Amino acid sequence: MRPELEEIQRLEEYLAGALPEEQQLDVAVRLLWDQELQRKLAGQKLAYKILRLFGRRKLRTELETIHVRLFG
């Protein structure tokens, strides 16, 4: 796997708390001094937030459609 993709995957696992403890601590320490890694992590958090909001909006639209079909 390309190094960029491995880093993205590691940050995803870090956010999910899915890394082994040693790797979790390694990422936490790197975040203390690596501003570029901090920026990447912030970007991933923002992306997840946008995806959650989009999912909620889509679900709300689907529920409204169902409501209209059932109750006119």
C-alpha atoms as a PDB file:
ATOM      1  CA  MET A   1       0.000   0.000   0.000  1.00  0.00           C
ATOM      2  CA  ARG A   2       1.211   3.530  -0.707  1.00  0.00           C
ATOM      3  CA  PRO A   3       2.608   5.382   2.339  1.00  0.00           C
ATOM      4  CA  GLU A   4      -0.039   8.125   2.056  1.00  0.00           C
ATOM      5  CA  LEU A   5      -2.834   5.581   2.186  1.00  0.00           C
ATOM      6  CA  GLU A   6      -1.204   3.762   5.082  1.00  0.00           C
ATOM      7  CA  GLU A   7      -1.080   7.033   7.013  1.00  0.00           C
ATOM      8  CA  ILE A   8      -4.749   7.732   6.312  1.00  0.00           C
ATOM      9  CA  GLN A   9      -5.645   4.221   7.441  1.00  0.00           C
ATOM     10  CA  ARG A  10      -3.575   4.581  10.598  1.00  0.00           C
ATOM     11  CA  LEU A  11      -5.302   7.888  11.428  1.00  0.00           C
ATOM     12  CA  GLU A  12      -8.702   6.274  10.850  1.00  0.00           C
ATOM     13  CA  GLU A  13      -7.791   3.464  13.211  1.00  0.00           C
ATOM     14  CA  TYR A  14      -6.411   5.999  15.706  1.00  0.00           C
ATOM     15  CA  LEU A  15      -9.698   7.928  15.690  1.00  0.00           C
ATOM     16  CA  ALA A  16     -11.646   4.703  16.114  1.00  0.00           C
ATOM     17  CA  GLY A  17      -9.361   3.544  18.949  1.00  0.00           C
ATOM     18  CA  ALA A  18      -8.662   0.405  16.920  1.00  0.00           C
ATOM     19  CA  LEU A  19      -4.869   0.512  17.029  1.00  0.00           C
ATOM     20  CA  PRO A  20      -2.892  -1.619  19.443  1.00  0.00           C
ATOM     21  CA  GLU A  21      -1.917   0.410  22.507  1.00  0.00           C
ATOM     22  CA  GLU A  22       1.698   0.879  21.409  1.00  0.00           C
ATOM     23  CA  GLN A  23       0.687   2.214  17.995  1.00  0.00           C
ATOM     24  CA  GLN A  24      -2.024   4.394  19.551  1.00  0.00           C
ATOM     25  CA  LEU A  25       0.621   5.979  21.790  1.00  0.00           C
ATOM     26  CA  ASP A  26       2.992   6.367  18.849  1.00  0.00           C
ATOM     27  CA  VAL A  27       0.406   8.341  16.886  1.00  0.00           C
ATOM     28  CA  ALA A  28      -0.449  10.436  19.952  1.00  0.00           C
ATOM     29  CA  VAL A  29       3.216  11.359  20.444  1.00  0.00           C
ATOM     30  CA  ARG A  30       3.654  12.171  16.749  1.00  0.00           C
ATOM     31  CA  LEU A  31       0.626  14.441  16.939  1.00  0.00           C
ATOM     32  CA  LEU A  32       2.315  16.464  19.682  1.00  0.00           C
ATOM     33  CA  TRP A  33       5.109  17.659  17.411  1.00  0.00           C
ATOM     34  CA  ASP A  34       4.021  17.044  13.791  1.00  0.00           C
ATOM     35  CA  GLN A  35       1.826  19.915  12.626  1.00  0.00           C
ATOM     36  CA  GLU A  36       1.267  18.310   9.216  1.00  0.00           C
ATOM     37  CA  LEU A  37      -0.079  15.171  10.897  1.00  0.00           C
ATOM     38  CA  GLN A  38      -2.285  17.371  13.099  1.00  0.00           C
ATOM     39  CA  ARG A  39      -3.649  19.024   9.944  1.00  0.00           C
ATOM     40  CA  LYS A  40      -4.338  15.652   8.330  1.00  0.00           C
ATOM     41  CA  LEU A  41      -6.113  14.383  11.437  1.00  0.00           C
ATOM     42  CA  ALA A  42      -8.243  17.538  11.579  1.00  0.00           C
ATOM     43  CA  GLY A  43      -9.128  17.028   7.919  1.00  0.00           C
ATOM     44  CA  GLN A  44     -10.217  13.454   8.542  1.00  0.00           C
ATOM     45  CA  LYS A  45     -12.333  14.515  11.506  1.00  0.00           C
ATOM     46  CA  LEU A  46     -13.993  17.171   9.350  1.00  0.00           C
ATOM     47  CA  ALA A  47     -14.615  14.663   6.565  1.00  0.00           C
ATOM     48  CA  TYR A  48     -16.284  12.260   9.005  1.00  0.00           C
ATOM     49  CA  LYS A  49     -18.439  15.066  10.388  1.00  0.00           C
ATOM     50  CA  ILE A  50     -19.574  16.060   6.887  1.00  0.00           C
ATOM     51  CA  LEU A  51     -20.374  12.442   6.018  1.00  0.00           C
ATOM     52  CA  ARG A  52     -22.444  12.047   9.197  1.00  0.00           C
ATOM     53  CA  LEU A  53     -24.364  15.254   8.454  1.00  0.00           C
ATOM     54  CA  PHE A  54     -24.963  14.193   4.857  1.00  0.00           C
ATOM     55  CA  GLY A  55     -26.179  10.795   6.039  1.00  0.00           C
ATOM     56  CA  ARG A  56     -28.593  12.395   8.492  1.00  0.00           C
ATOM     57  CA  ARG A  57     -29.911  14.752   5.841  1.00  0.00           C
ATOM     58  CA  LYS A  58     -30.428  11.868   3.413  1.00  0.00           C
ATOM     59  CA  LEU A  59     -32.169   9.794   6.091  1.00  0.00           C
ATOM     60  CA  ARG A  60     -34.432  12.724   6.985  1.00  0.00           C
ATOM     61  CA  THR A  61     -35.398  13.103   3.314  1.00  0.00           C
ATOM     62  CA  GLU A  62     -36.149   9.398   3.007  1.00  0.00           C
ATOM     63  CA  LEU A  63     -38.262   9.466   6.184  1.00  0.00           C
ATOM     64  CA  GLU A  64     -40.210  12.468   4.933  1.00  0.00           C
ATOM     65  CA  THR A  65     -40.887  10.642   1.656  1.00  0.00           C
ATOM     66  CA  ILE A  66     -42.151   7.590   3.552  1.00  0.00           C
ATOM     67  CA  HIS A  67     -44.334   9.811   5.754  1.00  0.00           C
ATOM     68  CA  VAL A  68     -45.905  11.456   2.719  1.00  0.00           C
ATOM     69  CA  ARG A  69     -46.589   8.056   1.125  1.00  0.00           C
ATOM     70  CA  LEU A  70     -48.178   6.689   4.298  1.00  0.00           C
ATOM     71  CA  PHE A  71     -50.080   9.720   5.545  1.00  0.00           C
ATOM     72  CA  GLY A  72     -50.506  11.789   2.386  1.00  0.00           C
END
